[in-house]
Amino acid sequence: MNYYIVVFKNTYDAMAAEKKLKQLNANFRIMPTPTSITMSCGICVRVDNKEEIDLIMNNDILEYKNIYFRDEQSYTLIEK
């Protein structure tokens, strides 16, 4: 299954993102950050929906470090 991962500089930013996404009724999931991506923050946000990731990227609603696309084989950086 393909999905997006939003990673953060620290846990504070990740928790703030969770709160903001809940307020927006976004469809997301909190999960451990894969160590192959980064070791800066232990939790990340998983988003399955392209429209919701576009909302995050285009409206500057979250303080995030990077966004990755996950396919069956690897993680690809799509936003820094």
PDB file of N, CA and C in Angstrom:
ATOM      1  N   MET A   1       0.839  -1.189   0.000  1.00  0.00           N
ATOM      2  CA  MET A   1       0.000   0.000   0.000  1.00  0.00           C
ATOM      3  C   MET A   1       0.881   1.248   0.000  1.00  0.00           C
ATOM      4  N   ASN A   2       0.520   2.221  -0.778  1.00  0.00           N
ATOM      5  CA  ASN A   2       1.240   3.491  -0.848  1.00  0.00           C
ATOM      6  C   ASN A   2       0.646   4.477   0.149  1.00  0.00           C
ATOM      7  N   TYR A   3       1.524   5.280   0.754  1.00  0.00           N
ATOM      8  CA  TYR A   3       1.074   6.301   1.689  1.00  0.00           C
ATOM      9  C   TYR A   3       2.168   7.357   1.848  1.00  0.00           C
ATOM     10  N   TYR A   4       1.868   8.397   2.610  1.00  0.00           N
ATOM     11  CA  TYR A   4       2.793   9.498   2.858  1.00  0.00           C
ATOM     12  C   TYR A   4       3.161   9.516   4.336  1.00  0.00           C
ATOM     13  N   ILE A   5       4.384   9.948   4.617  1.00  0.00           N
ATOM     14  CA  ILE A   5       4.844  10.088   5.994  1.00  0.00           C
ATOM     15  C   ILE A   5       5.348  11.513   6.185  1.00  0.00           C
ATOM     16  N   VAL A   6       4.816  12.166   7.202  1.00  0.00           N
ATOM     17  CA  VAL A   6       5.252  13.511   7.570  1.00  0.00           C
ATOM     18  C   VAL A   6       6.128  13.363   8.809  1.00  0.00           C
ATOM     19  N   VAL A   7       7.381  13.801   8.707  1.00  0.00           N
ATOM     20  CA  VAL A   7       8.299  13.701   9.845  1.00  0.00           C
ATOM     21  C   VAL A   7       8.567  15.096  10.416  1.00  0.00           C
ATOM     22  N   PHE A   8       8.951  15.114  11.680  1.00  0.00           N
ATOM     23  CA  PHE A   8       9.079  16.360  12.425  1.00  0.00           C
ATOM     24  C   PHE A   8      10.457  16.481  13.062  1.00  0.00           C
ATOM     25  N   LYS A   9      10.814  17.718  13.415  1.00  0.00           N
ATOM     26  CA  LYS A   9      12.103  17.981  14.060  1.00  0.00           C
ATOM     27  C   LYS A   9      12.128  17.449  15.487  1.00  0.00           C
ATOM     28  N   ASN A  10      10.967  17.488  16.137  1.00  0.00           N
ATOM     29  CA  ASN A  10      10.905  17.065  17.536  1.00  0.00           C
ATOM     30  C   ASN A  10       9.490  16.600  17.883  1.00  0.00           C
ATOM     31  N   THR A  11       9.361  16.027  19.053  1.00  0.00           N
ATOM     32  CA  THR A  11       8.075  15.490  19.493  1.00  0.00           C
ATOM     33  C   THR A  11       7.045  16.595  19.686  1.00  0.00           C
ATOM     34  N   TYR A  12       7.481  17.756  20.132  1.00  0.00           N
ATOM     35  CA  TYR A  12       6.552  18.879  20.315  1.00  0.00           C
ATOM     36  C   TYR A  12       5.841  19.208  19.005  1.00  0.00           C
ATOM     37  N   ASP A  13       6.594  19.313  17.911  1.00  0.00           N
ATOM     38  CA  ASP A  13       5.990  19.608  16.606  1.00  0.00           C
ATOM     39  C   ASP A  13       5.055  18.485  16.163  1.00  0.00           C
ATOM     40  N   ALA A  14       5.424  17.249  16.445  1.00  0.00           N
ATOM     41  CA  ALA A  14       4.576  16.108  16.078  1.00  0.00           C
ATOM     42  C   ALA A  14       3.253  16.144  16.843  1.00  0.00           C
ATOM     43  N   MET A  15       3.307  16.450  18.127  1.00  0.00           N
ATOM     44  CA  MET A  15       2.085  16.510  18.932  1.00  0.00           C
ATOM     45  C   MET A  15       1.213  17.699  18.523  1.00  0.00           C
ATOM     46  N   ALA A  16       1.836  18.820  18.182  1.00  0.00           N
ATOM     47  CA  ALA A  16       1.081  19.976  17.690  1.00  0.00           C
ATOM     48  C   ALA A  16       0.400  19.638  16.368  1.00  0.00           C
ATOM     49  N   ALA A  17       1.086  18.883  15.519  1.00  0.00           N
ATOM     50  CA  ALA A  17       0.504  18.465  14.241  1.00  0.00           C
ATOM     51  C   ALA A  17      -0.689  17.554  14.467  1.00  0.00           C
ATOM     52  N   GLU A  18      -0.562  16.631  15.404  1.00  0.00           N
ATOM     53  CA  GLU A  18      -1.681  15.734  15.712  1.00  0.00           C
ATOM     54  C   GLU A  18      -2.908  16.536  16.145  1.00  0.00           C
ATOM     55  N   LYS A  19      -2.694  17.505  17.016  1.00  0.00           N
ATOM     56  CA  LYS A  19      -3.797  18.341  17.499  1.00  0.00           C
ATOM     57  C   LYS A  19      -4.450  19.107  16.342  1.00  0.00           C
ATOM     58  N   LYS A  20      -3.634  19.718  15.493  1.00  0.00           N
ATOM     59  CA  LYS A  20      -4.154  20.501  14.367  1.00  0.00           C
ATOM     60  C   LYS A  20      -4.913  19.611  13.381  1.00  0.00           C
ATOM     61  N   LEU A  21      -4.371  18.440  13.068  1.00  0.00           N
ATOM     62  CA  LEU A  21      -5.031  17.538  12.123  1.00  0.00           C
ATOM     63  C   LEU A  21      -6.353  17.013  12.674  1.00  0.00           C
ATOM     64  N   LYS A  22      -6.427  16.796  13.986  1.00  0.00           N
ATOM     65  CA  LYS A  22      -7.698  16.392  14.602  1.00  0.00           C
ATOM     66  C   LYS A  22      -8.731  17.503  14.465  1.00  0.00           C
ATOM     67  N   GLN A  23      -8.305  18.745  14.668  1.00  0.00           N
ATOM     68  CA  GLN A  23      -9.216  19.886  14.522  1.00  0.00           C
ATOM     69  C   GLN A  23      -9.763  19.984  13.105  1.00  0.00           C
ATOM     70  N   LEU A  24      -8.956  19.598  12.123  1.00  0.00           N
ATOM     71  CA  LEU A  24      -9.358  19.650  10.715  1.00  0.00           C
ATOM     72  C   LEU A  24     -10.094  18.391  10.271  1.00  0.00           C
ATOM     73  N   ASN A  25     -10.312  17.467  11.208  1.00  0.00           N
ATOM     74  CA  ASN A  25     -10.951  16.181  10.896  1.00  0.00           C
ATOM     75  C   ASN A  25     -10.229  15.433   9.786  1.00  0.00           C
ATOM     76  N   ALA A  26      -8.918  15.537   9.773  1.00  0.00           N
ATOM     77  CA  ALA A  26      -8.111  14.858   8.759  1.00  0.00           C
ATOM     78  C   ALA A  26      -8.038  13.367   9.064  1.00  0.00           C
ATOM     79  N   ASN A  27      -7.863  12.589   8.027  1.00  0.00           N
ATOM     80  CA  ASN A  27      -7.699  11.145   8.156  1.00  0.00           C
ATOM     81  C   ASN A  27      -6.198  10.861   8.202  1.00  0.00           C
ATOM     82  N   PHE A  28      -5.679  10.530   9.380  1.00  0.00           N
ATOM     83  CA  PHE A  28      -4.248  10.315   9.561  1.00  0.00           C
ATOM     84  C   PHE A  28      -4.027   9.313  10.679  1.00  0.00           C
ATOM     85  N   ARG A  29      -2.785   8.932  10.835  1.00  0.00           N
ATOM     86  CA  ARG A  29      -2.404   7.989  11.875  1.00  0.00           C
ATOM     87  C   ARG A  29      -1.033   8.382  12.417  1.00  0.00           C
ATOM     88  N   ILE A  30      -0.864   8.314  13.733  1.00  0.00           N
ATOM     89  CA  ILE A  30       0.445   8.515  14.351  1.00  0.00           C
ATOM     90  C   ILE A  30       1.157   7.165  14.349  1.00  0.00           C
ATOM     91  N   MET A  31       2.429   7.164  13.982  1.00  0.00           N
ATOM     92  CA  MET A  31       3.192   5.916  13.955  1.00  0.00           C
ATOM     93  C   MET A  31       4.654   6.199  14.271  1.00  0.00           C
ATOM     94  N   PRO A  32       5.421   5.176  14.622  1.00  0.00           N
ATOM     95  CA  PRO A  32       6.858   5.378  14.837  1.00  0.00           C
ATOM     96  C   PRO A  32       7.541   5.787  13.533  1.00  0.00           C
ATOM     97  N   THR A  33       8.470   6.703  13.631  1.00  0.00           N
ATOM     98  CA  THR A  33       9.225   7.123  12.447  1.00  0.00           C
ATOM     99  C   THR A  33      10.216   6.029  12.062  1.00  0.00           C
ATOM    100  N   PRO A  34      10.189   5.597  10.813  1.00  0.00           N
ATOM    101  CA  PRO A  34      11.177   4.601  10.375  1.00  0.00           C
ATOM    102  C   PRO A  34      12.592   5.174  10.509  1.00  0.00           C
ATOM    103  N   THR A  35      13.481   4.432  11.118  1.00  0.00           N
ATOM    104  CA  THR A  35      14.842   4.925  11.329  1.00  0.00           C
ATOM    105  C   THR A  35      15.613   5.080  10.026  1.00  0.00           C
ATOM    106  N   SER A  36      15.142   4.458   8.970  1.00  0.00           N
ATOM    107  CA  SER A  36      15.805   4.637   7.674  1.00  0.00           C
ATOM    108  C   SER A  36      15.557   6.026   7.097  1.00  0.00           C
ATOM    109  N   ILE A  37      14.549   6.730   7.625  1.00  0.00           N
ATOM    110  CA  ILE A  37      14.237   8.087   7.156  1.00  0.00           C
ATOM    111  C   ILE A  37      14.994   9.121   7.980  1.00  0.00           C
ATOM    112  N   THR A  38      14.783   9.098   9.284  1.00  0.00           N
ATOM    113  CA  THR A  38      15.403  10.083  10.171  1.00  0.00           C
ATOM    114  C   THR A  38      15.368   9.574  11.600  1.00  0.00           C
ATOM    115  N   MET A  39      16.241  10.123  12.405  1.00  0.00           N
ATOM    116  CA  MET A  39      16.251   9.772  13.819  1.00  0.00           C
ATOM    117  C   MET A  39      15.974  11.005  14.680  1.00  0.00           C
ATOM    118  N   SER A  40      15.502  12.091  14.071  1.00  0.00           N
ATOM    119  CA  SER A  40      15.303  13.335  14.811  1.00  0.00           C
ATOM    120  C   SER A  40      14.076  13.297  15.716  1.00  0.00           C
ATOM    121  N   CYS A  41      13.029  12.605  15.323  1.00  0.00           N
ATOM    122  CA  CYS A  41      11.812  12.508  16.125  1.00  0.00           C
ATOM    123  C   CYS A  41      11.285  11.086  15.991  1.00  0.00           C
ATOM    124  N   GLY A  42      10.877  10.508  17.090  1.00  0.00           N
ATOM    125  CA  GLY A  42      10.461   9.113  17.092  1.00  0.00           C
ATOM    126  C   GLY A  42       9.067   8.844  16.581  1.00  0.00           C
ATOM    127  N   ILE A  43       8.262   9.904  16.389  1.00  0.00           N
ATOM    128  CA  ILE A  43       6.911   9.688  15.872  1.00  0.00           C
ATOM    129  C   ILE A  43       6.687  10.524  14.618  1.00  0.00           C
ATOM    130  N   CYS A  44       5.823  10.021  13.767  1.00  0.00           N
ATOM    131  CA  CYS A  44       5.499  10.718  12.524  1.00  0.00           C
ATOM    132  C   CYS A  44       4.008  10.570  12.258  1.00  0.00           C
ATOM    133  N   VAL A  45       3.544  11.237  11.234  1.00  0.00           N
ATOM    134  CA  VAL A  45       2.147  11.165  10.818  1.00  0.00           C
ATOM    135  C   VAL A  45       2.078  10.430   9.494  1.00  0.00           C
ATOM    136  N   ARG A  46       1.213   9.440   9.433  1.00  0.00           N
ATOM    137  CA  ARG A  46       0.965   8.713   8.186  1.00  0.00           C
ATOM    138  C   ARG A  46      -0.342   9.221   7.598  1.00  0.00           C
ATOM    139  N   VAL A  47      -0.297   9.560   6.316  1.00  0.00           N
ATOM    140  CA  VAL A  47      -1.476  10.030   5.589  1.00  0.00           C
ATOM    141  C   VAL A  47      -1.616   9.171   4.338  1.00  0.00           C
ATOM    142  N   ASP A  48      -2.782   8.579   4.153  1.00  0.00           N
ATOM    143  CA  ASP A  48      -3.010   7.706   3.002  1.00  0.00           C
ATOM    144  C   ASP A  48      -3.559   8.456   1.794  1.00  0.00           C
ATOM    145  N   ASN A  49      -4.109   9.618   2.027  1.00  0.00           N
ATOM    146  CA  ASN A  49      -4.861  10.342   1.011  1.00  0.00           C
ATOM    147  C   ASN A  49      -4.027  11.456   0.376  1.00  0.00           C
ATOM    148  N   LYS A  50      -3.898  11.463  -0.925  1.00  0.00           N
ATOM    149  CA  LYS A  50      -3.125  12.485  -1.662  1.00  0.00           C
ATOM    150  C   LYS A  50      -3.684  13.883  -1.429  1.00  0.00           C
ATOM    151  N   GLU A  51      -4.997  14.020  -1.388  1.00  0.00           N
ATOM    152  CA  GLU A  51      -5.611  15.336  -1.192  1.00  0.00           C
ATOM    153  C   GLU A  51      -5.247  15.919   0.173  1.00  0.00           C
ATOM    154  N   GLU A  52      -5.185  15.078   1.179  1.00  0.00           N
ATOM    155  CA  GLU A  52      -4.846  15.573   2.513  1.00  0.00           C
ATOM    156  C   GLU A  52      -3.376  15.957   2.609  1.00  0.00           C
ATOM    157  N   ILE A  53      -2.513  15.227   1.948  1.00  0.00           N
ATOM    158  CA  ILE A  53      -1.096  15.603   1.966  1.00  0.00           C
ATOM    159  C   ILE A  53      -0.897  16.906   1.191  1.00  0.00           C
ATOM    160  N   ASP A  54      -1.657  17.107   0.126  1.00  0.00           N
ATOM    161  CA  ASP A  54      -1.604  18.377  -0.610  1.00  0.00           C
ATOM    162  C   ASP A  54      -2.050  19.531   0.277  1.00  0.00           C
ATOM    163  N   LEU A  55      -3.076  19.312   1.077  1.00  0.00           N
ATOM    164  CA  LEU A  55      -3.556  20.334   2.008  1.00  0.00           C
ATOM    165  C   LEU A  55      -2.448  20.718   2.991  1.00  0.00           C
ATOM    166  N   ILE A  56      -1.757  19.736   3.519  1.00  0.00           N
ATOM    167  CA  ILE A  56      -0.663  19.990   4.462  1.00  0.00           C
ATOM    168  C   ILE A  56       0.460  20.765   3.786  1.00  0.00           C
ATOM    169  N   MET A  57       0.848  20.344   2.596  1.00  0.00           N
ATOM    170  CA  MET A  57       1.974  20.962   1.897  1.00  0.00           C
ATOM    171  C   MET A  57       1.663  22.366   1.395  1.00  0.00           C
ATOM    172  N   ASN A  58       0.466  22.589   0.908  1.00  0.00           N
ATOM    173  CA  ASN A  58       0.145  23.839   0.223  1.00  0.00           C
ATOM    174  C   ASN A  58      -0.415  24.933   1.117  1.00  0.00           C
ATOM    175  N   ASN A  59      -0.825  24.606   2.328  1.00  0.00           N
ATOM    176  CA  ASN A  59      -1.454  25.605   3.185  1.00  0.00           C
ATOM    177  C   ASN A  59      -0.651  25.955   4.424  1.00  0.00           C
ATOM    178  N   ASP A  60       0.554  25.411   4.530  1.00  0.00           N
ATOM    179  CA  ASP A  60       1.446  25.766   5.633  1.00  0.00           C
ATOM    180  C   ASP A  60       0.749  25.647   6.986  1.00  0.00           C
ATOM    181  N   ILE A  61       0.057  24.517   7.199  1.00  0.00           N
ATOM    182  CA  ILE A  61      -0.693  24.347   8.441  1.00  0.00           C
ATOM    183  C   ILE A  61       0.081  23.594   9.517  1.00  0.00           C
ATOM    184  N   LEU A  62       1.208  22.973   9.136  1.00  0.00           N
ATOM    185  CA  LEU A  62       2.010  22.222  10.099  1.00  0.00           C
ATOM    186  C   LEU A  62       3.477  22.617  10.012  1.00  0.00           C
ATOM    187  N   GLU A  63       4.157  22.511  11.143  1.00  0.00           N
ATOM    188  CA  GLU A  63       5.611  22.672  11.178  1.00  0.00           C
ATOM    189  C   GLU A  63       6.210  21.279  11.034  1.00  0.00           C
ATOM    190  N   TYR A  64       6.666  20.940   9.851  1.00  0.00           N
ATOM    191  CA  TYR A  64       7.232  19.610   9.643  1.00  0.00           C
ATOM    192  C   TYR A  64       8.637  19.715   9.078  1.00  0.00           C
ATOM    193  N   LYS A  65       9.363  18.615   9.171  1.00  0.00           N
ATOM    194  CA  LYS A  65      10.729  18.564   8.663  1.00  0.00           C
ATOM    195  C   LYS A  65      10.743  18.129   7.201  1.00  0.00           C
ATOM    196  N   ASN A  66      10.131  16.988   6.908  1.00  0.00           N
ATOM    197  CA  ASN A  66      10.085  16.441   5.551  1.00  0.00           C
ATOM    198  C   ASN A  66       8.807  15.636   5.354  1.00  0.00           C
ATOM    199  N   ILE A  67       8.469  15.431   4.090  1.00  0.00           N
ATOM    200  CA  ILE A  67       7.373  14.535   3.727  1.00  0.00           C
ATOM    201  C   ILE A  67       7.921  13.515   2.741  1.00  0.00           C
ATOM    202  N   TYR A  68       7.580  12.262   2.992  1.00  0.00           N
ATOM    203  CA  TYR A  68       8.032  11.159   2.145  1.00  0.00           C
ATOM    204  C   TYR A  68       6.841  10.409   1.577  1.00  0.00           C
ATOM    205  N   PHE A  69       7.026   9.874   0.391  1.00  0.00           N
ATOM    206  CA  PHE A  69       6.058   8.962  -0.210  1.00  0.00           C
ATOM    207  C   PHE A  69       6.591   7.551  -0.036  1.00  0.00           C
ATOM    208  N   ARG A  70       5.746   6.666   0.465  1.00  0.00           N
ATOM    209  CA  ARG A  70       6.137   5.274   0.677  1.00  0.00           C
ATOM    210  C   ARG A  70       5.421   4.397  -0.339  1.00  0.00           C
ATOM    211  N   ASP A  71       6.205   3.691  -1.147  1.00  0.00           N
ATOM    212  CA  ASP A  71       5.614   2.687  -2.032  1.00  0.00           C
ATOM    213  C   ASP A  71       6.017   1.314  -1.501  1.00  0.00           C
ATOM    214  N   GLU A  72       5.823   0.296  -2.281  1.00  0.00           N
ATOM    215  CA  GLU A  72       6.101  -1.063  -1.822  1.00  0.00           C
ATOM    216  C   GLU A  72       7.582  -1.308  -1.542  1.00  0.00           C
ATOM    217  N   GLN A  73       8.461  -0.475  -2.113  1.00  0.00           N
ATOM    218  CA  GLN A  73       9.884  -0.749  -2.012  1.00  0.00           C
ATOM    219  C   GLN A  73      10.689   0.256  -1.201  1.00  0.00           C
ATOM    220  N   SER A  74      10.289   1.520  -1.204  1.00  0.00           N
ATOM    221  CA  SER A  74      11.162   2.517  -0.585  1.00  0.00           C
ATOM    222  C   SER A  74      10.403   3.778  -0.190  1.00  0.00           C
ATOM    223  N   TYR A  75      11.137   4.682   0.477  1.00  0.00           N
ATOM    224  CA  TYR A  75      10.645   6.009   0.825  1.00  0.00           C
ATOM    225  C   TYR A  75      11.282   7.008  -0.132  1.00  0.00           C
ATOM    226  N   THR A  76      10.468   7.922  -0.662  1.00  0.00           N
ATOM    227  CA  THR A  76      10.971   8.952  -1.563  1.00  0.00           C
ATOM    228  C   THR A  76      10.643  10.319  -0.978  1.00  0.00           C
ATOM    229  N   LEU A  77      11.651  11.158  -0.813  1.00  0.00           N
ATOM    230  CA  LEU A  77      11.450  12.510  -0.307  1.00  0.00           C
ATOM    231  C   LEU A  77      10.685  13.316  -1.341  1.00  0.00           C
ATOM    232  N   ILE A  78       9.553  13.906  -0.924  1.00  0.00           N
ATOM    233  CA  ILE A  78       8.783  14.723  -1.867  1.00  0.00           C
ATOM    234  C   ILE A  78       8.704  16.180  -1.450  1.00  0.00           C
ATOM    235  N   GLU A  79       8.970  16.475  -0.180  1.00  0.00           N
ATOM    236  CA  GLU A  79       8.873  17.861   0.295  1.00  0.00           C
ATOM    237  C   GLU A  79       9.850  18.057   1.432  1.00  0.00           C
ATOM    238  N   LYS A  80      10.608  19.120   1.326  1.00  0.00           N
ATOM    239  CA  LYS A  80      11.570  19.451   2.374  1.00  0.00           C
ATOM    240  C   LYS A  80      11.255  20.803   2.944  1.00  0.00           C
TER     241      LYS A  80
END
